[in-house]
Protein backbone atom coordinates (compact mmCIF):
# COMPACT_ATOMS: atom_id res chain seq x y z
CA MET A 1 78.93 50.72 118.76
CA ASP A 2 78.56 50.32 115.03
CA LYS A 3 77.66 53.99 114.60
CA GLU A 4 80.67 55.06 116.66
CA ASP A 5 83.02 52.94 114.55
CA GLU A 6 81.50 54.39 111.40
CA ILE A 7 82.02 57.95 112.65
CA LEU A 8 85.58 57.15 113.73
CA GLU A 9 86.43 55.72 110.31
CA GLU A 10 84.95 58.76 108.59
CA LEU A 11 87.02 61.07 110.79
CA LYS A 12 90.18 59.11 110.03
CA LYS A 13 89.45 59.29 106.31
CA THR A 14 88.87 63.04 106.51
CA ASN A 15 92.08 63.51 108.47
CA ARG A 16 94.05 61.57 105.84
CA LEU A 17 92.58 63.71 103.06
CA LEU A 18 93.48 66.90 104.93
CA GLU A 19 97.04 65.70 105.46
CA GLU A 20 97.38 64.94 101.74
CA GLN A 21 96.10 68.40 100.82
CA LYS A 22 98.47 70.04 103.27
CA GLU A 23 101.41 68.24 101.68
CA GLU A 24 100.35 69.36 98.20
CA VAL A 25 100.40 73.08 99.04
CA SER A 26 103.86 74.56 98.77
CA PRO A 27 104.98 77.85 100.36
CA PHE A 28 105.60 79.25 96.88
CA GLN A 29 101.98 78.58 95.96
CA ALA A 30 100.78 80.45 99.05
CA VAL A 31 102.93 83.46 98.10
CA MET A 32 101.61 83.39 94.55
CA ASP A 33 98.02 83.31 95.84
CA MET A 34 98.75 86.40 97.96
CA VAL A 35 100.28 88.22 94.99
CA LYS A 36 97.26 87.36 92.81
CA SER A 37 94.89 88.67 95.47
CA LEU A 38 96.89 91.87 95.84
CA LEU A 39 97.02 92.46 92.09
CA SER A 40 93.30 91.83 91.66
CA GLY A 41 92.64 94.30 94.46
CA VAL A 42 94.85 96.94 92.89
CA LEU A 43 93.71 96.44 89.31
CA ILE A 44 89.99 95.82 89.84
CA VAL A 45 88.80 97.05 93.22
CA GLY A 46 90.99 100.19 93.29
CA PRO A 47 89.65 101.79 90.09
CA ILE A 48 86.07 100.93 91.01
CA LEU A 49 86.49 102.63 94.38
CA ALA A 50 88.06 105.66 92.69
CA VAL A 51 85.08 106.00 90.33
CA ILE A 52 82.62 105.71 93.23
CA ILE A 53 84.48 108.36 95.25
CA VAL A 54 84.55 110.74 92.26
CA LEU A 55 80.82 110.21 91.71
CA PHE A 56 80.09 111.02 95.35
CA GLN A 57 82.24 114.16 95.10
CA LEU A 58 80.41 115.28 91.96
CA ILE A 59 77.02 114.65 93.55
CA GLY A 60 78.16 116.49 96.68
CA SER A 61 79.31 119.50 94.69
CA TRP A 62 75.95 119.75 92.90
CA LEU A 63 73.99 119.79 96.16
């Protein structure tokens, strides 16, 4: 029984921590995280993909 009580207390503590974190996150923060992800994709991943595609086209034209 002692082990079960210990596990139950740990689960309650974890649940409380999750509830506190959920309260801390605002909808505005979620939107800002999405915008940051989108901008990093456009500004970093996009140009890298463009360079890779151009390199493949150049290699393909040489063959």
